[in-house]
N, C-alpha and C. Protein backbone atom coordinates (compact mmCIF):
# COMPACT_ATOMS: atom_id res chain seq x y z
N MET A 1 96.30 73.31 94.65
CA MET A 1 96.75 74.56 93.95
C MET A 1 97.71 75.33 94.89
N LEU A 2 98.85 75.87 94.22
CA LEU A 2 99.79 76.48 95.03
C LEU A 2 100.06 77.86 94.48
N ILE A 3 100.59 78.74 95.38
CA ILE A 3 100.98 80.05 94.89
C ILE A 3 102.29 80.41 95.66
N CYS A 4 103.21 81.12 94.94
CA CYS A 4 104.47 81.42 95.60
C CYS A 4 104.60 82.86 95.81
N GLY A 5 105.32 83.08 96.82
CA GLY A 5 105.64 84.62 97.15
C GLY A 5 107.12 84.68 97.62
N CYS A 6 107.56 85.84 97.77
CA CYS A 6 108.95 85.94 98.32
C CYS A 6 108.96 86.12 99.84
N GLY A 7 109.85 85.39 100.46
CA GLY A 7 110.03 85.62 101.93
C GLY A 7 111.04 86.84 102.09
N ASN A 8 111.35 86.97 103.43
CA ASN A 8 112.21 88.02 103.85
C ASN A 8 113.57 88.09 103.24
N GLU A 9 114.15 86.93 102.84
CA GLU A 9 115.41 86.91 102.30
C GLU A 9 115.39 86.50 100.78
N GLY A 10 114.29 86.72 100.16
CA GLY A 10 114.19 86.46 98.70
C GLY A 10 113.89 85.08 98.40
N LYS A 11 113.77 84.22 99.29
CA LYS A 11 113.42 82.90 99.19
C LYS A 11 111.95 82.63 98.63
N LYS A 12 111.78 81.66 97.82
CA LYS A 12 110.39 81.41 97.42
C LYS A 12 109.67 80.61 98.53
N ILE A 13 108.47 81.09 98.96
CA ILE A 13 107.66 80.31 99.96
C ILE A 13 106.49 79.92 99.17
N THR A 14 105.99 78.71 99.36
CA THR A 14 104.84 78.18 98.72
C THR A 14 103.65 77.95 99.69
N TYR A 15 102.47 78.39 99.43
CA TYR A 15 101.29 78.27 100.26
C TYR A 15 100.31 77.55 99.47
N ASP A 16 99.64 76.66 100.17
CA ASP A 16 98.43 75.97 99.54
C ASP A 16 97.25 76.90 99.70
N ILE A 17 96.36 76.80 98.72
CA ILE A 17 95.18 77.61 98.84
C ILE A 17 93.96 76.72 99.49
N ILE A 18 93.92 75.33 99.25
CA ILE A 18 93.00 74.59 99.81
C ILE A 18 93.80 73.57 100.84
N ILE A 19 93.34 73.74 102.14
CA ILE A 19 93.99 73.07 103.29
C ILE A 19 92.93 72.23 103.92
N PRO A 20 92.93 70.95 103.61
CA PRO A 20 91.85 70.06 104.16
C PRO A 20 92.20 69.97 105.74
N ASP A 21 91.03 69.97 106.48
CA ASP A 21 91.04 69.84 107.89
C ASP A 21 89.63 69.46 108.23
N GLU A 22 89.34 68.43 109.04
CA GLU A 22 88.04 68.02 109.31
C GLU A 22 87.41 68.77 110.48
N ARG A 23 88.11 69.76 111.17
CA ARG A 23 87.56 70.50 112.17
C ARG A 23 86.52 71.32 111.69
N ILE A 24 85.54 71.74 112.62
CA ILE A 24 84.43 72.68 112.18
C ILE A 24 84.71 73.88 113.06
N PHE A 25 85.07 74.93 112.52
CA PHE A 25 85.22 76.21 113.25
C PHE A 25 83.95 77.07 113.18
N THR A 26 83.81 77.90 114.18
CA THR A 26 82.71 78.91 114.34
C THR A 26 83.32 80.27 114.48
N PHE A 27 82.50 81.20 114.30
CA PHE A 27 83.02 82.59 114.48
C PHE A 27 83.61 82.80 115.84
N GLU A 28 83.01 82.16 116.93
CA GLU A 28 83.51 82.31 118.22
C GLU A 28 84.97 81.76 118.30
N ASP A 29 85.22 80.79 117.49
CA ASP A 29 86.75 80.26 117.64
C ASP A 29 87.58 81.42 117.16
N LEU A 30 87.22 82.16 116.09
CA LEU A 30 87.99 83.40 115.68
C LEU A 30 88.17 84.48 116.63
N GLU A 31 87.09 84.66 117.32
CA GLU A 31 87.05 85.63 118.40
C GLU A 31 87.99 85.35 119.53
N GLU A 32 88.07 84.03 119.85
CA GLU A 32 88.96 83.56 120.94
C GLU A 32 90.46 83.97 120.46
N ILE A 33 90.86 83.92 119.30
CA ILE A 33 92.27 84.31 118.98
C ILE A 33 92.34 85.79 118.64
N GLY A 34 91.40 86.55 118.89
CA GLY A 34 91.46 88.06 118.88
C GLY A 34 90.90 88.66 117.60
N PHE A 35 90.15 87.92 116.69
CA PHE A 35 89.53 88.39 115.64
C PHE A 35 88.37 89.45 116.00
N LYS A 36 88.34 90.56 115.37
CA LYS A 36 87.37 91.51 115.72
C LYS A 36 86.36 91.64 114.53
N LYS A 37 85.01 91.54 114.91
CA LYS A 37 84.06 91.53 113.83
C LYS A 37 83.71 93.10 113.48
N ASN A 38 83.50 93.24 112.24
CA ASN A 38 82.98 94.52 111.64
C ASN A 38 81.54 94.44 111.27
N ARG A 39 81.16 93.41 110.51
CA ARG A 39 79.82 93.24 110.17
C ARG A 39 79.45 91.74 109.76
N GLN A 40 78.24 91.31 109.99
CA GLN A 40 77.86 90.01 109.52
C GLN A 40 76.96 90.23 108.21
N TYR A 41 77.11 89.25 107.39
CA TYR A 41 76.54 89.30 106.00
C TYR A 41 75.39 88.34 105.96
N ASP A 42 74.37 88.68 105.19
CA ASP A 42 73.23 87.73 104.94
C ASP A 42 73.64 86.76 103.96
N VAL A 43 73.66 85.42 104.31
CA VAL A 43 74.13 84.39 103.44
C VAL A 43 73.00 83.67 102.82
N SER A 44 71.81 84.19 102.79
CA SER A 44 70.73 83.53 102.14
C SER A 44 70.88 83.22 100.63
N LYS A 45 71.75 83.97 100.05
CA LYS A 45 72.06 83.74 98.56
C LYS A 45 73.45 83.34 98.37
N LEU A 46 74.20 82.84 99.36
CA LEU A 46 75.46 82.31 99.27
C LEU A 46 75.45 80.84 99.43
N GLU A 47 75.31 80.16 98.35
CA GLU A 47 75.12 78.71 98.38
C GLU A 47 75.89 77.94 99.36
N GLY A 48 75.27 77.26 100.23
CA GLY A 48 75.85 76.34 101.17
C GLY A 48 76.35 76.97 102.45
N ALA A 49 76.60 78.17 102.41
CA ALA A 49 77.17 78.88 103.61
C ALA A 49 76.21 78.92 104.80
N LYS A 50 76.85 78.89 105.99
CA LYS A 50 76.01 78.98 107.31
C LYS A 50 76.03 80.51 107.75
N GLU A 51 77.18 81.10 107.59
CA GLU A 51 77.38 82.44 107.98
C GLU A 51 78.55 83.07 107.43
N ALA A 52 78.70 84.45 107.36
CA ALA A 52 79.81 85.19 106.68
C ALA A 52 80.00 86.39 107.44
N TRP A 53 81.23 86.88 107.72
CA TRP A 53 81.61 87.94 108.48
C TRP A 53 82.78 88.83 107.79
N ASN A 54 82.71 90.10 108.03
CA ASN A 54 83.82 90.97 107.62
C ASN A 54 84.43 91.41 108.99
N GLY A 55 85.83 91.36 109.05
CA GLY A 55 86.35 91.75 110.34
C GLY A 55 87.94 91.91 110.20
N PHE A 56 88.52 92.12 111.33
CA PHE A 56 89.96 92.42 111.33
C PHE A 56 90.70 91.62 112.25
N TRP A 57 91.94 91.30 112.05
CA TRP A 57 92.89 90.48 112.97
C TRP A 57 94.23 91.01 112.74
N SER A 58 95.03 91.05 113.79
CA SER A 58 96.28 91.68 113.79
C SER A 58 97.47 90.75 113.94
N PRO A 59 97.85 90.06 112.68
CA PRO A 59 99.10 89.32 112.80
C PRO A 59 100.23 90.15 112.82
N ASP A 60 101.18 89.91 113.69
CA ASP A 60 102.51 90.64 113.76
C ASP A 60 102.08 92.18 113.99
N LYS A 61 101.08 92.43 114.71
CA LYS A 61 100.69 93.86 115.09
C LYS A 61 100.24 94.63 113.93
N LYS A 62 100.06 94.16 112.78
CA LYS A 62 99.61 94.83 111.54
C LYS A 62 98.21 94.40 111.32
N GLN A 63 97.23 95.21 111.59
CA GLN A 63 95.90 94.89 111.35
C GLN A 63 95.43 94.63 109.80
N LYS A 64 94.73 93.41 109.60
CA LYS A 64 94.40 93.11 108.24
C LYS A 64 92.98 92.85 108.25
N GLU A 65 92.27 93.09 107.18
CA GLU A 65 90.94 92.78 107.01
C GLU A 65 90.72 91.49 106.26
N TYR A 66 89.68 90.81 106.71
CA TYR A 66 89.27 89.42 106.23
C TYR A 66 87.72 89.39 105.92
N GLU A 67 87.42 88.58 104.99
CA GLU A 67 86.01 88.24 104.89
C GLU A 67 86.08 86.65 105.19
N LEU A 68 85.30 86.18 106.04
CA LEU A 68 85.26 84.78 106.45
C LEU A 68 83.80 84.25 106.17
N ARG A 69 83.86 83.19 105.40
CA ARG A 69 82.59 82.46 105.14
C ARG A 69 82.65 81.01 105.65
N PHE A 70 81.67 80.74 106.53
CA PHE A 70 81.59 79.46 107.24
C PHE A 70 80.65 78.48 106.55
N TYR A 71 81.11 77.23 106.35
CA TYR A 71 80.30 76.27 105.79
C TYR A 71 80.21 75.05 106.68
N PRO A 72 79.28 74.17 106.53
CA PRO A 72 79.08 72.99 107.41
C PRO A 72 80.23 72.02 107.42
N SER A 73 81.07 72.04 106.36
CA SER A 73 82.34 71.05 106.36
C SER A 73 83.26 71.58 105.31
N HIS A 74 84.48 70.99 105.35
CA HIS A 74 85.60 71.38 104.37
C HIS A 74 85.10 71.07 102.94
N SER A 75 84.50 69.93 102.64
CA SER A 75 84.08 69.55 101.40
C SER A 75 82.99 70.42 100.71
N VAL A 76 82.15 70.90 101.66
CA VAL A 76 81.12 71.94 101.15
C VAL A 76 81.68 73.31 100.88
N ALA A 77 82.66 73.68 101.77
CA ALA A 77 83.35 74.88 101.62
C ALA A 77 83.98 74.93 100.25
N VAL A 78 84.63 73.84 99.83
CA VAL A 78 85.40 73.74 98.56
C VAL A 78 84.40 73.76 97.38
N ALA A 79 83.47 72.80 97.50
CA ALA A 79 82.50 72.57 96.37
C ALA A 79 81.56 73.83 96.17
N SER A 80 81.17 74.53 97.30
CA SER A 80 80.12 75.60 97.20
C SER A 80 80.85 76.96 97.20
N GLY A 81 81.86 77.03 97.95
CA GLY A 81 82.52 78.29 98.14
C GLY A 81 83.66 78.80 97.36
N GLU A 82 84.36 77.89 96.63
CA GLU A 82 85.65 78.33 96.02
C GLU A 82 85.26 79.21 94.71
N SER A 83 84.23 79.02 94.05
CA SER A 83 83.88 79.77 92.85
C SER A 83 83.57 81.19 93.18
N PHE A 84 82.81 81.20 94.35
CA PHE A 84 82.45 82.67 94.79
C PHE A 84 83.64 83.41 95.33
N ALA A 85 84.68 82.75 95.89
CA ALA A 85 85.93 83.45 96.30
C ALA A 85 86.80 83.83 95.13
N GLU A 86 86.89 82.97 94.24
CA GLU A 86 87.69 83.23 92.91
C GLU A 86 87.13 84.54 92.27
N GLU A 87 85.90 84.56 92.29
CA GLU A 87 85.23 85.65 91.52
C GLU A 87 85.53 87.03 91.98
N VAL A 88 85.86 87.18 93.31
CA VAL A 88 86.05 88.46 93.86
C VAL A 88 87.42 88.81 94.34
N THR A 89 88.39 87.88 94.15
CA THR A 89 89.80 88.13 94.49
C THR A 89 90.76 88.12 93.25
N GLY A 90 91.89 88.63 93.52
CA GLY A 90 92.88 88.66 92.50
C GLY A 90 92.73 89.84 91.52
N LYS A 91 93.65 89.88 90.58
CA LYS A 91 93.76 90.90 89.61
C LYS A 91 92.50 90.95 88.83
N ASP A 92 91.82 89.91 88.56
CA ASP A 92 90.64 89.89 87.67
C ASP A 92 89.26 89.92 88.48
N ALA A 93 89.44 90.43 89.75
CA ALA A 93 88.27 90.37 90.62
C ALA A 93 87.09 91.20 90.11
N LYS A 94 85.90 90.66 90.25
CA LYS A 94 84.72 91.43 89.86
C LYS A 94 84.36 92.18 91.15
N LEU A 95 84.15 93.66 90.75
CA LEU A 95 83.90 94.52 91.85
C LEU A 95 82.66 95.33 91.73
N LYS A 96 81.81 95.04 90.76
CA LYS A 96 80.53 95.66 90.58
C LYS A 96 79.34 94.72 90.83
N LYS A 97 78.40 95.30 91.44
CA LYS A 97 77.21 94.43 91.85
C LYS A 97 76.71 93.69 90.64
N SER A 98 76.63 94.37 89.46
CA SER A 98 76.09 93.66 88.33
C SER A 98 77.00 92.56 87.75
N GLU A 99 78.19 92.41 88.28
CA GLU A 99 79.06 91.32 87.78
C GLU A 99 79.22 90.06 88.70
N VAL A 100 78.87 90.24 89.97
CA VAL A 100 79.13 89.20 91.02
C VAL A 100 77.92 88.41 91.17
N THR A 101 78.15 87.03 91.48
CA THR A 101 77.10 86.18 91.73
C THR A 101 76.39 86.45 93.13
N TRP A 102 77.20 86.70 94.20
CA TRP A 102 76.78 87.04 95.53
C TRP A 102 77.16 88.46 95.84
N GLN A 103 76.18 89.27 95.81
CA GLN A 103 76.27 90.73 95.89
C GLN A 103 76.55 91.28 97.33
N GLU A 104 76.11 90.67 98.35
CA GLU A 104 76.26 90.96 99.70
C GLU A 104 77.72 91.41 100.05
N GLY A 105 77.95 92.52 100.62
CA GLY A 105 79.28 92.97 101.03
C GLY A 105 80.24 93.41 99.96
N ILE A 106 79.75 93.56 98.68
CA ILE A 106 80.55 94.04 97.64
C ILE A 106 81.31 95.21 97.87
N LYS A 107 80.81 96.28 98.52
CA LYS A 107 81.54 97.52 98.88
C LYS A 107 82.71 97.32 99.82
N ASP A 108 82.65 96.31 100.66
CA ASP A 108 83.75 95.93 101.59
C ASP A 108 84.95 95.23 100.81
N ARG A 109 84.67 94.81 99.62
CA ARG A 109 85.71 94.12 98.85
C ARG A 109 86.56 95.04 97.96
N ARG A 110 86.14 96.35 97.84
CA ARG A 110 86.88 97.26 97.13
C ARG A 110 87.68 98.15 97.90
N GLN A 111 88.81 98.72 97.13
CA GLN A 111 89.53 99.72 97.78
C GLN A 111 90.09 100.69 96.69
N ILE A 112 90.30 101.94 97.12
CA ILE A 112 90.96 102.95 96.17
C ILE A 112 92.36 102.62 96.24
N ILE A 113 92.78 102.51 94.81
CA ILE A 113 94.20 102.06 94.65
C ILE A 113 95.04 103.25 93.94
N GLY A 114 94.48 104.39 93.73
CA GLY A 114 95.25 105.46 93.10
C GLY A 114 94.57 106.18 92.03
N ARG A 115 95.21 106.96 91.30
CA ARG A 115 94.64 107.84 90.35
C ARG A 115 94.54 107.03 88.98
N GLU A 116 93.53 107.22 88.29
CA GLU A 116 93.46 106.64 86.94
C GLU A 116 93.45 107.72 85.93
N GLY A 117 94.47 107.77 85.11
CA GLY A 117 94.58 108.89 84.14
C GLY A 117 94.66 110.21 84.73
N GLY A 118 95.20 110.31 85.90
CA GLY A 118 95.56 111.59 86.56
C GLY A 118 94.24 112.38 87.07
N SER A 119 93.04 111.83 86.75
CA SER A 119 91.97 112.64 87.26
C SER A 119 90.95 111.86 88.26
N ARG A 120 90.81 110.62 88.17
CA ARG A 120 89.86 109.95 88.97
C ARG A 120 90.57 108.74 89.82
N ASN A 121 89.97 108.52 90.95
CA ASN A 121 90.51 107.44 91.73
C ASN A 121 90.18 106.10 91.04
N SER A 122 91.13 105.21 91.05
CA SER A 122 90.79 103.89 90.49
C SER A 122 90.38 102.89 91.63
N VAL A 123 89.61 102.00 91.46
CA VAL A 123 89.19 101.02 92.35
C VAL A 123 89.64 99.67 92.08
N GLY A 124 90.24 98.97 93.13
CA GLY A 124 90.71 97.57 92.90
C GLY A 124 90.21 96.71 94.06
N PRO A 125 90.60 95.55 94.00
CA PRO A 125 90.19 94.47 94.97
C PRO A 125 90.92 94.63 96.28
N LYS A 126 90.20 94.52 97.39
CA LYS A 126 90.83 94.64 98.71
C LYS A 126 91.55 93.28 99.00
N HIS A 127 90.88 92.19 98.50
CA HIS A 127 91.37 90.86 98.83
C HIS A 127 92.17 90.24 97.68
N GLY A 128 93.39 90.15 97.62
CA GLY A 128 94.15 89.69 96.58
C GLY A 128 94.04 88.23 96.34
N ASN A 129 93.73 87.46 97.38
CA ASN A 129 93.63 85.94 97.29
C ASN A 129 92.70 85.41 98.43
N TYR A 130 92.52 84.17 98.33
CA TYR A 130 91.65 83.41 99.31
C TYR A 130 92.31 82.13 99.58
N ALA A 131 91.89 81.62 100.78
CA ALA A 131 92.29 80.21 101.16
C ALA A 131 91.04 79.56 101.78
N ILE A 132 91.00 78.14 101.60
CA ILE A 132 89.90 77.41 102.23
C ILE A 132 90.60 76.47 103.22
N PHE A 133 90.40 76.74 104.50
CA PHE A 133 90.96 75.96 105.63
C PHE A 133 89.79 75.44 106.35
N ALA A 134 89.79 74.07 106.59
CA ALA A 134 88.78 73.34 107.24
C ALA A 134 87.35 73.80 106.64
N ASN A 135 86.41 74.43 107.38
CA ASN A 135 85.13 74.78 106.87
C ASN A 135 85.03 76.24 106.51
N ILE A 136 86.21 76.98 106.43
CA ILE A 136 86.20 78.36 106.36
C ILE A 136 86.75 78.80 104.96
N VAL A 137 86.15 79.66 104.20
CA VAL A 137 86.57 80.36 103.10
C VAL A 137 87.05 81.67 103.51
N MET A 138 88.37 82.05 103.33
CA MET A 138 89.00 83.31 103.92
C MET A 138 89.39 84.12 102.75
N LEU A 139 88.83 85.40 102.53
CA LEU A 139 89.42 86.26 101.64
C LEU A 139 90.32 87.23 102.44
N CYS A 140 91.43 87.45 101.98
CA CYS A 140 92.49 88.00 102.79
C CYS A 140 93.02 89.38 102.11
N GLU A 141 93.23 90.36 102.95
CA GLU A 141 93.60 91.64 102.48
C GLU A 141 95.05 91.68 101.96
N GLY A 142 95.29 92.52 100.90
CA GLY A 142 96.53 92.74 100.40
C GLY A 142 96.67 92.38 98.91
N PRO A 143 97.75 92.71 98.35
CA PRO A 143 97.96 92.41 96.90
C PRO A 143 98.03 90.95 96.77
N GLU A 144 97.76 90.45 95.57
CA GLU A 144 97.66 89.02 95.33
C GLU A 144 98.95 88.31 95.77
N GLU A 145 100.04 88.79 95.50
CA GLU A 145 101.33 87.98 95.93
C GLU A 145 101.52 87.93 97.50
N LEU A 146 100.81 88.91 98.25
CA LEU A 146 100.94 88.91 99.60
C LEU A 146 99.74 88.40 100.57
N SER A 147 98.67 88.49 99.92
CA SER A 147 97.57 88.12 100.73
C SER A 147 97.39 86.77 101.20
N LEU A 148 97.86 85.72 100.36
CA LEU A 148 97.85 84.47 100.80
C LEU A 148 98.64 84.19 102.14
N GLU A 149 99.82 84.90 102.22
CA GLU A 149 100.53 84.92 103.43
C GLU A 149 99.66 85.35 104.65
N VAL A 150 98.85 86.47 104.37
CA VAL A 150 97.99 86.95 105.40
C VAL A 150 96.97 85.87 105.88
N CYS A 151 96.46 85.15 104.80
CA CYS A 151 95.55 83.97 105.22
C CYS A 151 96.27 83.02 106.01
N TRP A 152 97.46 82.62 105.66
CA TRP A 152 98.26 81.57 106.40
C TRP A 152 98.52 81.99 107.72
N LYS A 153 98.69 83.31 108.09
CA LYS A 153 98.91 83.59 109.38
C LYS A 153 97.67 83.36 110.23
N LEU A 154 96.51 83.53 109.73
CA LEU A 154 95.32 83.24 110.49
C LEU A 154 95.07 81.69 110.53
N ILE A 155 95.43 81.00 109.44
CA ILE A 155 95.31 79.55 109.46
C ILE A 155 96.29 79.10 110.60
N ALA A 156 97.43 79.48 110.62
CA ALA A 156 98.40 78.97 111.69
C ALA A 156 97.87 79.28 113.08
N ALA A 157 97.26 80.36 113.32
CA ALA A 157 96.69 80.62 114.65
C ALA A 157 95.58 79.60 114.90
N LEU A 158 94.77 79.38 113.95
CA LEU A 158 93.65 78.51 114.13
C LEU A 158 94.17 76.90 114.29
N LYS A 159 95.19 76.64 113.63
CA LYS A 159 95.85 75.16 113.70
C LYS A 159 96.36 75.07 115.14
N SER A 160 96.87 76.10 115.76
CA SER A 160 97.50 75.97 117.00
C SER A 160 96.47 76.13 118.23
N LYS A 161 95.26 76.60 117.82
CA LYS A 161 94.21 76.58 118.74
C LYS A 161 93.65 75.24 119.20
N ASP A 162 93.70 74.87 120.37
CA ASP A 162 93.20 73.65 120.96
C ASP A 162 93.21 73.65 122.44
C-alpha cells in the first residue's frame, strides 16, 4: 500500500505503509534514539501485542507524538495490528470509546481541531496515518497527508540503528 505527499519542491514523494523487516525492536531501542515515553498502555485486549506506548520524538527538532505497538514479529504486527491502526487513524478515524475495538488510550488519539459551527470545539484524530515497520505498528501525529512522513523519519532512524 502506498500514499503520496508533497515534498519541499512540490514533487510527489511515495511512502510505503507496510515495511517488512525481520528485526525485532523493543521500546529500549526507541529510547536509544531519543524517544521519550509518556505512558504505557495495557495491551491485554490488543490482539497479539506485547506492549504499547505513547510518547514523543523530535525529528528535525520538531517534537511529534507517536503511539507505538510492539508485536512478536512483523507478520503478527501486520495480521493482528493493521485493522486496529486503520480504525483510529485518518479522516474516518473512530474517536469514541463506544466505536473502537481497543479502547485503551483513546483520549490520547484525539485533538481539538477548531470550532464547529462557531460555538463548540471540534475533535479530530491526532494520528493521520500509521506505518508497520518490522514488529512495530506506529501511529504518527499530523494530518493524513503529512503523518506518514513523520512515521518514516522514525523508521529511518531505526533502520540506521545498529
